[in-house]
N, C-alpha and C. Protein backbone atom coordinates (compact mmCIF):
# COMPACT_ATOMS: atom_id res chain seq x y z
N MET A 1 -16.44 -29.99 -6.29
CA MET A 1 -16.42 -29.02 -7.33
C MET A 1 -15.29 -27.97 -6.93
N ASN A 2 -14.48 -27.48 -7.85
CA ASN A 2 -13.54 -26.46 -7.72
C ASN A 2 -14.11 -25.08 -7.65
N LYS A 3 -13.69 -24.37 -6.51
CA LYS A 3 -14.25 -23.04 -6.47
C LYS A 3 -13.35 -22.10 -7.20
N ALA A 4 -13.90 -21.05 -7.87
CA ALA A 4 -13.09 -20.11 -8.57
C ALA A 4 -12.09 -19.31 -7.37
N ALA A 5 -11.02 -19.03 -7.84
CA ALA A 5 -10.14 -18.21 -6.98
C ALA A 5 -9.16 -17.47 -7.88
N LEU A 6 -8.83 -16.31 -7.33
CA LEU A 6 -7.77 -15.44 -7.80
C LEU A 6 -6.41 -16.15 -8.14
N ASP A 7 -5.84 -15.92 -9.36
CA ASP A 7 -4.47 -16.56 -9.70
C ASP A 7 -3.60 -15.35 -10.02
N ARG A 8 -2.69 -15.07 -9.17
CA ARG A 8 -1.78 -14.15 -9.29
C ARG A 8 -0.36 -14.44 -9.95
N ARG A 9 -0.50 -15.79 -10.50
CA ARG A 9 0.94 -16.20 -10.92
C ARG A 9 1.20 -15.80 -12.40
N ASN A 10 0.11 -15.32 -13.08
CA ASN A 10 0.19 -14.88 -14.36
C ASN A 10 0.67 -13.41 -14.54
N SER A 11 1.71 -13.02 -15.25
CA SER A 11 1.98 -11.74 -15.32
C SER A 11 0.92 -10.72 -16.13
N HIS A 12 0.99 -9.71 -15.92
CA HIS A 12 -0.03 -8.76 -16.60
C HIS A 12 0.07 -8.72 -18.02
N VAL A 13 1.38 -8.92 -18.52
CA VAL A 13 1.52 -9.08 -19.83
C VAL A 13 0.91 -10.19 -20.51
N SER A 14 1.01 -11.54 -19.84
CA SER A 14 0.54 -12.64 -20.48
C SER A 14 -1.09 -12.63 -20.31
N GLN A 15 -1.56 -11.89 -19.36
CA GLN A 15 -3.10 -11.75 -19.32
C GLN A 15 -3.62 -10.89 -20.48
N TRP A 16 -2.84 -9.78 -20.83
CA TRP A 16 -3.18 -9.03 -21.95
C TRP A 16 -3.19 -9.68 -23.18
N GLN A 17 -2.32 -10.74 -23.42
CA GLN A 17 -2.20 -11.56 -24.55
C GLN A 17 -3.17 -12.75 -24.71
N SER A 18 -3.70 -13.08 -23.61
CA SER A 18 -4.53 -14.12 -23.61
C SER A 18 -5.97 -14.02 -24.36
N ASP A 19 -6.27 -14.91 -25.27
CA ASP A 19 -7.52 -14.73 -25.98
C ASP A 19 -8.82 -14.99 -25.11
N LYS A 20 -8.61 -15.23 -23.90
CA LYS A 20 -9.62 -15.46 -22.80
C LYS A 20 -9.87 -14.24 -22.08
N LEU A 21 -9.05 -13.23 -22.24
CA LEU A 21 -9.23 -12.01 -21.37
C LEU A 21 -10.55 -11.33 -21.52
N LEU A 22 -11.51 -11.46 -20.63
CA LEU A 22 -12.88 -10.81 -20.65
C LEU A 22 -12.76 -9.39 -20.33
N LEU A 23 -12.10 -9.18 -19.29
CA LEU A 23 -12.01 -7.70 -18.71
C LEU A 23 -10.64 -7.63 -18.01
N GLY A 24 -9.92 -6.42 -18.38
CA GLY A 24 -8.61 -6.13 -17.85
C GLY A 24 -8.39 -4.45 -17.81
N GLN A 25 -7.39 -4.24 -17.39
CA GLN A 25 -7.04 -2.82 -17.36
C GLN A 25 -5.66 -2.59 -17.74
N CYS A 26 -5.21 -1.55 -18.50
CA CYS A 26 -3.88 -1.15 -18.79
C CYS A 26 -3.74 0.26 -18.71
N CYS A 27 -2.46 0.65 -18.81
CA CYS A 27 -2.14 2.17 -19.17
C CYS A 27 -2.53 2.68 -20.49
N GLY A 28 -2.67 3.84 -20.62
CA GLY A 28 -3.03 4.31 -21.96
C GLY A 28 -1.89 4.08 -22.95
N PRO A 29 -0.57 4.44 -22.69
CA PRO A 29 0.42 4.08 -23.58
C PRO A 29 0.57 2.43 -23.77
N ASP A 30 0.28 1.72 -22.88
CA ASP A 30 0.34 0.17 -23.09
C ASP A 30 -0.49 -0.25 -24.45
N LEU A 31 -1.67 0.57 -24.63
CA LEU A 31 -2.46 0.20 -25.87
C LEU A 31 -1.67 0.19 -27.15
N PHE A 32 -0.53 0.75 -27.28
CA PHE A 32 0.20 0.97 -28.51
C PHE A 32 1.60 0.22 -28.44
N THR A 33 1.63 -0.84 -27.51
CA THR A 33 2.74 -1.77 -27.48
C THR A 33 2.30 -3.08 -27.95
N ALA A 34 3.26 -4.12 -28.28
CA ALA A 34 2.97 -5.22 -29.01
C ALA A 34 2.09 -6.18 -28.18
N PRO A 35 2.25 -6.30 -26.71
CA PRO A 35 1.56 -7.22 -25.85
C PRO A 35 0.00 -6.87 -25.86
N CYS A 36 -0.26 -5.49 -26.22
CA CYS A 36 -1.82 -5.05 -26.19
C CYS A 36 -2.31 -4.89 -27.60
N ALA A 37 -1.69 -5.48 -28.72
CA ALA A 37 -2.03 -5.24 -29.95
C ALA A 37 -3.51 -5.61 -30.21
N ASN A 38 -3.92 -6.83 -29.52
CA ASN A 38 -5.12 -7.32 -29.81
C ASN A 38 -6.24 -6.92 -28.79
N LEU A 39 -5.89 -5.94 -27.98
CA LEU A 39 -7.00 -5.37 -27.03
C LEU A 39 -7.77 -4.46 -27.58
N ARG A 40 -9.24 -4.34 -27.10
CA ARG A 40 -10.10 -3.20 -27.52
C ARG A 40 -10.53 -2.70 -26.30
N VAL A 41 -10.79 -1.44 -26.44
CA VAL A 41 -11.02 -0.58 -25.22
C VAL A 41 -12.67 -0.67 -24.96
N ILE A 42 -12.93 -0.91 -23.68
CA ILE A 42 -14.34 -0.90 -23.38
C ILE A 42 -14.79 0.57 -22.77
N GLY A 43 -13.99 1.12 -22.20
CA GLY A 43 -14.17 2.51 -21.68
C GLY A 43 -13.17 2.87 -20.50
N ARG A 44 -13.48 3.86 -19.80
CA ARG A 44 -12.46 4.26 -18.66
C ARG A 44 -13.37 4.55 -17.46
N PRO A 45 -12.63 4.41 -16.24
CA PRO A 45 -13.41 4.67 -15.00
C PRO A 45 -13.21 6.19 -14.76
N VAL A 46 -14.33 6.65 -14.01
CA VAL A 46 -14.11 7.85 -13.03
C VAL A 46 -13.70 7.50 -11.73
N LEU A 47 -12.36 7.98 -11.45
CA LEU A 47 -11.86 7.69 -10.00
C LEU A 47 -12.43 8.52 -8.97
N ARG A 48 -12.79 8.11 -7.83
CA ARG A 48 -13.43 8.89 -6.71
C ARG A 48 -12.33 9.82 -6.08
N GLY A 49 -12.47 11.01 -5.53
CA GLY A 49 -11.63 11.73 -4.63
C GLY A 49 -10.49 12.52 -5.26
N LEU A 50 -10.47 12.58 -6.71
CA LEU A 50 -9.38 13.24 -7.31
C LEU A 50 -9.94 14.57 -7.64
N ASP A 51 -9.03 15.62 -7.61
CA ASP A 51 -9.38 17.12 -7.97
C ASP A 51 -9.03 17.17 -9.47
N CYS A 52 -9.65 16.56 -10.26
CA CYS A 52 -9.63 16.88 -11.64
C CYS A 52 -10.87 16.45 -12.46
N ALA A 53 -11.04 16.65 -13.70
CA ALA A 53 -12.11 16.26 -14.47
C ALA A 53 -12.53 14.84 -14.39
N PRO A 54 -13.77 14.44 -14.34
CA PRO A 54 -14.21 13.04 -14.31
C PRO A 54 -13.53 12.40 -15.48
N GLY A 55 -13.07 11.18 -15.23
CA GLY A 55 -12.32 10.23 -16.36
C GLY A 55 -11.03 10.76 -16.49
N GLU A 56 -10.37 11.64 -15.67
CA GLU A 56 -9.05 11.89 -15.74
C GLU A 56 -8.39 11.64 -14.33
N TYR A 57 -7.03 11.53 -14.42
CA TYR A 57 -6.28 11.30 -13.07
C TYR A 57 -4.96 12.00 -13.30
N TYR A 58 -4.16 12.08 -12.26
CA TYR A 58 -2.81 12.69 -12.13
C TYR A 58 -1.72 12.00 -11.27
N SER A 59 -0.64 12.25 -11.26
CA SER A 59 0.24 11.70 -10.41
C SER A 59 0.77 12.71 -9.55
N HIS A 60 1.26 12.22 -8.19
CA HIS A 60 2.01 13.01 -7.26
C HIS A 60 3.45 12.94 -7.65
N ILE A 61 4.18 13.93 -7.66
CA ILE A 61 5.62 14.10 -8.01
C ILE A 61 6.18 14.01 -6.60
N VAL A 62 6.93 12.96 -6.41
CA VAL A 62 7.43 12.74 -5.02
C VAL A 62 9.01 12.67 -4.96
N THR A 63 9.68 12.96 -3.77
CA THR A 63 10.96 12.85 -3.55
C THR A 63 11.25 12.58 -1.99
N THR A 64 12.37 12.41 -1.57
CA THR A 64 12.74 12.34 -0.13
C THR A 64 13.48 13.53 0.31
N GLY A 65 14.02 14.39 -0.62
CA GLY A 65 14.83 15.56 -0.20
C GLY A 65 13.91 16.73 -0.25
N GLU A 66 14.40 17.90 0.29
CA GLU A 66 13.79 19.20 0.28
C GLU A 66 13.80 19.80 -1.12
N LEU A 67 15.04 19.54 -1.66
CA LEU A 67 15.29 20.30 -2.98
C LEU A 67 15.59 19.36 -3.94
N LEU A 68 15.29 19.34 -5.19
CA LEU A 68 15.74 18.41 -6.23
C LEU A 68 16.90 19.06 -6.90
N PRO A 69 18.07 18.23 -7.31
CA PRO A 69 19.02 18.77 -7.98
C PRO A 69 18.63 19.14 -9.30
N GLY A 70 19.57 19.86 -10.18
CA GLY A 70 19.18 20.35 -11.52
C GLY A 70 19.07 19.06 -12.28
N SER A 71 20.10 17.98 -12.29
CA SER A 71 20.04 16.86 -12.91
C SER A 71 19.54 15.68 -12.21
N VAL A 72 18.49 14.95 -12.33
CA VAL A 72 17.98 14.06 -11.48
C VAL A 72 18.04 12.57 -11.93
N ARG A 73 18.03 11.74 -10.92
CA ARG A 73 17.95 10.30 -11.22
C ARG A 73 16.39 9.84 -11.04
N ILE A 74 15.93 9.41 -12.07
CA ILE A 74 14.33 9.12 -11.92
C ILE A 74 14.23 7.65 -11.77
N VAL A 75 13.10 7.33 -11.14
CA VAL A 75 12.60 5.89 -11.11
C VAL A 75 11.24 5.92 -11.52
N ALA A 76 10.76 4.87 -12.25
CA ALA A 76 9.35 4.71 -12.82
C ALA A 76 8.92 3.15 -12.62
N ASN A 77 7.73 3.17 -12.50
CA ASN A 77 7.20 1.59 -12.35
C ASN A 77 7.19 0.84 -13.69
N ALA A 78 7.16 1.38 -14.87
CA ALA A 78 7.22 0.79 -15.98
C ALA A 78 7.51 1.91 -17.14
N ALA A 79 8.12 1.43 -18.17
CA ALA A 79 8.59 2.24 -19.31
C ALA A 79 7.34 2.75 -20.21
N SER A 80 6.21 1.86 -20.12
CA SER A 80 5.02 2.15 -20.67
C SER A 80 3.91 2.81 -19.82
N SER A 81 4.22 3.13 -18.64
CA SER A 81 3.46 3.51 -17.73
C SER A 81 3.12 5.27 -17.91
N ARG A 82 1.86 5.60 -17.99
CA ARG A 82 1.32 6.88 -18.05
C ARG A 82 1.68 7.56 -16.76
N SER A 83 1.23 7.03 -15.78
CA SER A 83 1.18 7.81 -14.40
C SER A 83 2.79 7.86 -13.91
N GLY A 84 3.66 6.81 -14.04
CA GLY A 84 4.82 6.73 -13.54
C GLY A 84 5.91 7.16 -14.42
N TYR A 85 5.68 7.15 -15.78
CA TYR A 85 6.89 7.46 -16.50
C TYR A 85 6.60 8.72 -17.36
N PHE A 86 5.66 8.77 -18.20
CA PHE A 86 5.37 9.80 -19.18
C PHE A 86 5.05 10.97 -18.31
N ALA A 87 4.30 10.88 -17.24
CA ALA A 87 3.81 12.10 -16.47
C ALA A 87 4.97 12.68 -15.78
N LEU A 88 6.00 11.79 -15.43
CA LEU A 88 7.26 12.44 -14.78
C LEU A 88 8.06 13.15 -15.78
N LEU A 89 8.10 12.46 -17.06
CA LEU A 89 9.00 13.28 -18.11
C LEU A 89 8.41 14.61 -18.39
N GLU A 90 7.13 14.70 -18.53
CA GLU A 90 6.40 15.89 -18.73
C GLU A 90 6.65 17.05 -17.76
N TRP A 91 6.58 16.55 -16.57
CA TRP A 91 6.85 17.43 -15.37
C TRP A 91 8.26 17.90 -15.51
N LEU A 92 9.25 17.02 -15.60
CA LEU A 92 10.65 17.47 -15.64
C LEU A 92 11.00 18.41 -16.62
N CYS A 93 10.36 18.12 -17.92
CA CYS A 93 10.49 19.03 -19.06
C CYS A 93 10.06 20.36 -18.76
N GLU A 94 8.80 20.41 -18.23
CA GLU A 94 8.10 21.70 -17.91
C GLU A 94 8.83 22.56 -16.93
N ASN A 95 9.67 21.81 -15.91
CA ASN A 95 10.31 22.50 -14.86
C ASN A 95 11.77 22.54 -15.09
N GLY A 96 12.23 22.27 -16.39
CA GLY A 96 13.64 22.46 -16.75
C GLY A 96 14.67 21.56 -16.02
N ARG A 97 14.23 20.42 -15.79
CA ARG A 97 15.05 19.51 -15.23
C ARG A 97 15.74 18.45 -16.13
N GLN A 98 16.91 18.10 -15.91
CA GLN A 98 17.62 17.18 -16.83
C GLN A 98 17.62 15.77 -16.20
N VAL A 99 17.71 14.75 -17.03
CA VAL A 99 17.73 13.36 -16.27
C VAL A 99 19.15 12.77 -16.53
N SER A 100 19.68 12.33 -15.46
CA SER A 100 21.14 11.75 -15.36
C SER A 100 20.97 10.40 -15.33
N ASP A 101 19.86 9.56 -15.05
CA ASP A 101 19.73 8.16 -14.83
C ASP A 101 18.27 7.80 -14.66
N ILE A 102 18.04 6.65 -15.34
CA ILE A 102 16.64 6.10 -15.24
C ILE A 102 16.64 4.64 -14.80
N SER A 103 15.73 4.48 -13.74
CA SER A 103 15.61 3.13 -13.28
C SER A 103 14.06 2.71 -13.49
N ILE A 104 13.80 1.35 -13.72
CA ILE A 104 12.50 0.93 -13.88
C ILE A 104 12.36 -0.06 -12.75
N SER A 105 11.38 0.09 -11.82
CA SER A 105 11.36 -0.58 -10.61
C SER A 105 10.35 -1.75 -10.67
N GLY A 106 9.27 -1.71 -11.38
CA GLY A 106 8.39 -2.69 -11.56
C GLY A 106 7.10 -2.55 -10.98
N SER A 107 7.07 -1.65 -10.07
CA SER A 107 5.81 -1.12 -9.31
C SER A 107 6.00 0.32 -8.59
N HIS A 108 4.93 0.96 -8.50
CA HIS A 108 4.85 2.16 -7.69
C HIS A 108 5.48 2.12 -6.37
N ASN A 109 5.15 0.92 -5.80
CA ASN A 109 5.61 0.72 -4.32
C ASN A 109 7.17 0.59 -4.31
N ALA A 110 7.61 -0.28 -5.37
CA ALA A 110 9.20 -0.37 -5.49
C ALA A 110 9.72 0.98 -5.75
N SER A 111 9.19 1.80 -6.49
CA SER A 111 9.63 3.01 -6.90
C SER A 111 9.89 4.05 -5.51
N LEU A 112 8.87 3.99 -4.76
CA LEU A 112 9.23 4.58 -3.50
C LEU A 112 10.17 4.02 -2.39
N GLN A 113 10.34 2.85 -2.52
CA GLN A 113 11.42 2.09 -1.95
C GLN A 113 12.74 2.58 -2.37
N MET A 114 12.90 2.71 -3.62
CA MET A 114 14.16 3.13 -4.20
C MET A 114 14.49 4.65 -3.88
N LEU A 115 13.48 5.34 -3.73
CA LEU A 115 13.55 6.81 -3.28
C LEU A 115 14.14 6.78 -1.82
N ARG A 116 13.56 5.82 -0.96
CA ARG A 116 13.91 5.85 0.38
C ARG A 116 15.54 5.34 0.62
N THR A 117 15.82 4.45 -0.32
CA THR A 117 17.06 3.92 -0.23
C THR A 117 18.26 4.70 -0.88
N GLY A 118 17.77 5.82 -1.41
CA GLY A 118 18.72 6.79 -2.02
C GLY A 118 19.16 6.33 -3.53
N GLN A 119 18.40 5.41 -4.19
CA GLN A 119 18.81 5.05 -5.38
C GLN A 119 18.24 5.85 -6.64
N ALA A 120 17.28 6.72 -6.11
CA ALA A 120 16.80 7.67 -7.11
C ALA A 120 16.31 9.02 -6.49
N ASP A 121 16.16 10.14 -7.17
CA ASP A 121 15.84 11.35 -6.63
C ASP A 121 14.42 11.67 -6.77
N VAL A 122 13.73 11.14 -7.72
CA VAL A 122 12.23 11.65 -7.86
C VAL A 122 11.53 10.47 -8.59
N ALA A 123 10.07 10.51 -8.38
CA ALA A 123 9.40 9.65 -8.90
C ALA A 123 7.99 10.27 -9.06
N ALA A 124 7.21 9.54 -9.96
CA ALA A 124 5.64 10.06 -10.08
C ALA A 124 4.82 8.77 -9.80
N ILE A 125 4.01 9.10 -8.80
CA ILE A 125 3.08 7.81 -8.41
C ILE A 125 1.58 8.39 -8.52
N ASP A 126 0.76 7.53 -9.24
CA ASP A 126 -0.57 8.05 -9.48
C ASP A 126 -1.35 8.22 -8.21
N ALA A 127 -2.09 9.17 -8.24
CA ALA A 127 -2.62 9.71 -6.94
C ALA A 127 -3.66 8.73 -6.37
N CYS A 128 -4.21 7.81 -6.91
CA CYS A 128 -5.08 6.79 -6.26
C CYS A 128 -4.22 5.76 -5.73
N SER A 129 -3.14 5.22 -6.37
CA SER A 129 -2.40 4.21 -5.76
C SER A 129 -1.64 4.69 -4.57
N PHE A 130 -1.17 6.06 -4.57
CA PHE A 130 -0.46 6.63 -3.49
C PHE A 130 -1.07 6.31 -2.09
N ASP A 131 -2.39 6.55 -2.08
CA ASP A 131 -3.19 6.27 -0.99
C ASP A 131 -3.04 5.02 -0.11
N PHE A 132 -2.74 3.98 -1.08
CA PHE A 132 -2.73 2.61 -0.47
C PHE A 132 -1.25 2.14 -0.21
N LEU A 133 -0.18 2.98 -0.49
CA LEU A 133 1.22 2.74 -0.54
C LEU A 133 1.83 3.23 0.98
N ASP A 134 2.81 2.83 1.07
CA ASP A 134 3.84 3.16 2.27
C ASP A 134 4.36 4.57 1.95
N GLN A 135 4.01 5.57 2.65
CA GLN A 135 4.37 7.07 2.19
C GLN A 135 5.43 7.47 3.19
N SER A 136 6.06 6.69 3.95
CA SER A 136 6.91 7.11 4.96
C SER A 136 8.34 7.68 4.23
N SER A 137 8.74 8.78 4.71
CA SER A 137 9.98 9.57 4.30
C SER A 137 9.93 9.94 2.88
N VAL A 138 8.65 10.09 2.29
CA VAL A 138 8.66 10.76 1.01
C VAL A 138 7.60 11.98 1.20
N THR A 139 7.99 12.92 0.20
CA THR A 139 7.30 14.22 0.21
C THR A 139 6.70 14.40 -1.15
N ILE A 140 5.40 14.97 -1.17
CA ILE A 140 4.85 15.46 -2.45
C ILE A 140 5.33 16.88 -2.68
N VAL A 141 5.88 16.94 -3.79
CA VAL A 141 6.35 18.42 -4.15
C VAL A 141 5.61 19.07 -5.35
N ASP A 142 4.71 18.37 -5.94
CA ASP A 142 4.01 18.88 -7.01
C ASP A 142 3.11 17.69 -7.54
N ARG A 143 2.31 18.11 -8.71
CA ARG A 143 1.55 17.04 -9.32
C ARG A 143 1.62 17.10 -10.90
N SER A 144 1.32 16.09 -11.50
CA SER A 144 1.42 16.22 -12.95
C SER A 144 0.09 16.66 -13.65
N ARG A 145 0.40 16.98 -14.80
CA ARG A 145 -0.91 17.40 -15.63
C ARG A 145 -1.90 16.19 -15.69
N PRO A 146 -3.03 16.52 -15.62
CA PRO A 146 -3.95 15.27 -15.82
C PRO A 146 -3.99 14.58 -17.14
N SER A 147 -4.52 13.37 -17.07
CA SER A 147 -4.62 12.47 -18.34
C SER A 147 -5.74 11.58 -18.29
N LEU A 148 -6.21 10.84 -19.18
CA LEU A 148 -7.24 9.94 -19.36
C LEU A 148 -6.87 8.77 -18.30
N THR A 149 -7.82 8.44 -17.55
CA THR A 149 -7.64 7.23 -16.71
C THR A 149 -7.41 5.90 -17.34
N PRO A 150 -6.67 5.01 -16.70
CA PRO A 150 -6.52 3.72 -17.53
C PRO A 150 -7.75 2.96 -17.99
N PRO A 151 -7.68 2.69 -19.18
CA PRO A 151 -8.82 2.06 -19.84
C PRO A 151 -9.02 0.55 -19.47
N PHE A 152 -10.38 0.33 -19.44
CA PHE A 152 -10.87 -1.16 -19.26
C PHE A 152 -10.61 -1.87 -20.63
N VAL A 153 -9.98 -2.96 -20.75
CA VAL A 153 -9.76 -3.62 -21.95
C VAL A 153 -10.43 -5.01 -22.04
N GLN A 154 -10.60 -5.64 -23.28
CA GLN A 154 -10.88 -6.99 -23.52
C GLN A 154 -10.28 -7.31 -24.78
N HIS A 155 -9.81 -8.70 -24.64
CA HIS A 155 -9.14 -9.35 -25.90
C HIS A 155 -10.10 -9.32 -27.14
N SER A 156 -9.75 -8.93 -28.20
CA SER A 156 -10.62 -8.88 -29.36
C SER A 156 -11.20 -10.34 -29.73
N ALA A 157 -10.63 -11.37 -29.31
CA ALA A 157 -11.23 -12.74 -29.56
C ALA A 157 -12.25 -13.13 -28.62
N VAL A 158 -12.58 -12.38 -27.70
CA VAL A 158 -13.76 -12.71 -26.87
C VAL A 158 -15.07 -12.39 -27.52
N PRO A 159 -16.02 -13.36 -27.68
CA PRO A 159 -17.23 -13.08 -28.34
C PRO A 159 -18.27 -12.54 -27.51
N LEU A 160 -17.99 -11.29 -27.00
CA LEU A 160 -18.90 -10.46 -26.25
C LEU A 160 -18.92 -8.90 -26.65
N GLU A 161 -20.12 -8.48 -27.03
CA GLU A 161 -20.22 -7.15 -27.53
C GLU A 161 -19.56 -6.26 -26.51
N VAL A 162 -19.04 -5.25 -26.88
CA VAL A 162 -18.39 -4.26 -25.86
C VAL A 162 -19.49 -3.52 -25.19
N ASP A 163 -20.75 -3.29 -25.75
CA ASP A 163 -21.76 -2.53 -25.05
C ASP A 163 -22.20 -3.30 -23.91
N VAL A 164 -22.33 -4.77 -24.22
CA VAL A 164 -22.85 -5.63 -23.09
C VAL A 164 -21.94 -5.57 -21.80
N LEU A 165 -20.64 -5.58 -22.11
CA LEU A 165 -19.58 -5.37 -20.97
C LEU A 165 -19.68 -4.09 -20.32
N ALA A 166 -19.82 -3.07 -21.12
CA ALA A 166 -19.78 -1.69 -20.57
C ALA A 166 -21.20 -1.56 -19.75
N LYS A 167 -22.33 -2.00 -20.08
CA LYS A 167 -23.52 -2.03 -19.19
C LYS A 167 -23.32 -2.80 -17.87
N ALA A 168 -22.52 -3.87 -17.94
CA ALA A 168 -22.20 -4.62 -16.78
C ALA A 168 -21.25 -3.87 -15.83
N LEU A 169 -20.34 -3.01 -16.35
CA LEU A 169 -19.35 -2.24 -15.58
C LEU A 169 -20.24 -1.28 -14.85
N VAL A 170 -21.07 -0.50 -15.72
CA VAL A 170 -21.86 0.50 -15.13
C VAL A 170 -22.76 -0.04 -13.87
N ALA A 171 -23.52 -1.14 -14.19
CA ALA A 171 -24.16 -1.71 -12.96
C ALA A 171 -23.34 -2.08 -11.90
N GLY A 172 -22.13 -2.52 -12.15
CA GLY A 172 -21.16 -2.92 -10.97
C GLY A 172 -20.78 -1.78 -10.24
N ILE A 173 -20.44 -0.65 -10.87
CA ILE A 173 -19.98 0.44 -10.22
C ILE A 173 -21.21 1.11 -9.38
N LYS A 174 -22.35 1.15 -10.00
CA LYS A 174 -23.44 1.74 -9.12
C LYS A 174 -23.84 0.79 -8.02
N ALA A 175 -23.55 -0.45 -8.04
CA ALA A 175 -23.82 -1.30 -6.89
C ALA A 175 -22.85 -1.25 -5.63
N VAL A 176 -21.77 -0.52 -5.96
CA VAL A 176 -20.78 -0.11 -4.81
C VAL A 176 -20.72 1.53 -4.76
N PRO A 177 -21.64 2.10 -4.07
CA PRO A 177 -21.79 3.49 -4.21
C PRO A 177 -20.40 4.16 -3.48
N HIS A 178 -19.80 3.69 -2.75
CA HIS A 178 -18.72 4.23 -2.07
C HIS A 178 -17.37 3.58 -2.37
N GLY A 179 -17.31 2.92 -3.63
CA GLY A 179 -16.06 2.22 -3.95
C GLY A 179 -15.02 3.15 -4.68
N HIS A 180 -14.10 2.57 -5.15
CA HIS A 180 -12.87 3.13 -5.79
C HIS A 180 -13.42 3.94 -6.98
N PHE A 181 -14.34 3.33 -7.69
CA PHE A 181 -14.83 3.95 -9.01
C PHE A 181 -16.08 4.74 -8.69
N ALA A 182 -16.21 5.92 -9.22
CA ALA A 182 -17.31 6.72 -9.08
C ALA A 182 -18.34 6.77 -10.39
N GLY A 183 -17.79 6.19 -11.47
CA GLY A 183 -18.61 6.24 -12.80
C GLY A 183 -17.71 5.57 -13.75
N PHE A 184 -18.37 5.62 -15.07
CA PHE A 184 -17.89 4.98 -16.16
C PHE A 184 -18.05 5.76 -17.38
N ILE A 185 -17.04 5.94 -18.15
CA ILE A 185 -17.01 6.73 -19.52
C ILE A 185 -16.85 5.95 -20.65
N SER A 186 -17.70 5.99 -21.63
CA SER A 186 -17.44 5.14 -22.89
C SER A 186 -16.19 5.79 -23.65
N SER A 187 -15.14 5.03 -23.97
CA SER A 187 -13.87 5.53 -24.62
C SER A 187 -13.42 4.53 -25.74
N THR A 188 -12.63 4.99 -26.57
CA THR A 188 -12.01 4.04 -27.63
C THR A 188 -10.53 4.26 -27.66
N LYS A 189 -9.89 3.42 -28.26
CA LYS A 189 -8.44 3.40 -28.41
C LYS A 189 -7.84 4.74 -28.99
N ALA A 190 -8.74 5.44 -30.04
CA ALA A 190 -8.25 6.66 -30.48
C ALA A 190 -8.24 7.75 -29.30
N ASP A 191 -9.00 7.72 -28.37
CA ASP A 191 -8.94 8.72 -27.32
C ASP A 191 -7.44 8.75 -26.69
N TYR A 192 -6.87 7.67 -26.54
CA TYR A 192 -5.61 7.66 -26.03
C TYR A 192 -4.26 7.84 -27.00
N MET A 193 -4.81 8.16 -28.11
CA MET A 193 -3.69 8.55 -29.22
C MET A 193 -2.98 10.05 -28.95
N ALA A 194 -3.59 10.78 -27.99
CA ALA A 194 -3.16 12.07 -27.81
C ALA A 194 -1.63 11.95 -27.45
N PRO A 195 -0.85 13.05 -27.32
CA PRO A 195 0.65 12.87 -27.24
C PRO A 195 1.09 12.12 -25.87
N GLN A 196 1.12 10.81 -25.90
CA GLN A 196 1.47 10.04 -24.87
C GLN A 196 2.93 9.86 -24.98
N HIS A 197 3.60 10.12 -26.19
CA HIS A 197 5.09 9.88 -26.20
C HIS A 197 5.77 11.19 -26.72
N GLU A 198 4.98 12.38 -26.49
CA GLU A 198 5.61 13.40 -26.99
C GLU A 198 6.99 13.97 -26.51
N HIS A 199 7.52 13.42 -25.36
CA HIS A 199 8.70 13.79 -24.80
C HIS A 199 9.74 12.60 -25.10
N THR A 200 9.48 11.56 -25.99
CA THR A 200 10.53 10.70 -26.33
C THR A 200 11.67 11.12 -26.85
N SER A 201 11.60 12.13 -27.72
CA SER A 201 12.81 12.65 -28.29
C SER A 201 13.64 13.59 -27.33
N TRP A 202 12.79 14.08 -26.47
CA TRP A 202 13.56 15.06 -25.39
C TRP A 202 14.39 13.96 -24.41
N LEU A 203 13.75 12.84 -24.30
CA LEU A 203 14.33 11.78 -23.24
C LEU A 203 15.65 11.22 -23.96
N ASP A 204 15.60 10.97 -25.27
CA ASP A 204 16.70 10.39 -25.91
C ASP A 204 17.92 11.34 -26.09
N ALA A 205 17.57 12.62 -26.01
CA ALA A 205 18.54 13.65 -26.06
C ALA A 205 18.96 14.23 -24.91
N ARG A 206 18.72 13.63 -23.73
CA ARG A 206 18.86 14.17 -22.41
C ARG A 206 20.38 14.33 -22.11
N GLY A 207 20.69 15.15 -21.25
CA GLY A 207 22.13 15.48 -20.95
C GLY A 207 22.72 14.44 -19.92
């Protein structure tokens, strides 16, 4: 008999599009992209150890230099990432910075590496992921405004009621009292419709 095993060969996009996806996770802005069109939101986690309201998180704004130039080269893990992209755009706008170049790295870890190799000036790394990554030669200069944690999702074709899966998630989180998740909050897609893209026009008009 074959034993179940993790399969890391499929991309996260292909998993979101699979009608067999029982439980997954994505960024809030991902919910409004084509690959996630058939996903429904189960709820969102409460992350342990963050200095913000339950069910929210934030990003560290990081660089390798002591001072940022007035016009910066930014790097983000993905163009639909709340923690790596939109959080950074908000911070730059609030601090009067212009963007001279944008790179998409594919992961938070790759973004940090691009900072270390001088290919970018600044990045935003979600505070939970940052603890698990190589932090050498990078400095936290600030943090972003908080936003809702990435939602738990399920493909709409899966014949399982959302409430059933939500109860299972609650039970699973309680079973690991010192784990990464500290709780669960019921949520809907509408909760993530707050201004996730409010700085798109600013980005398009950047100097």
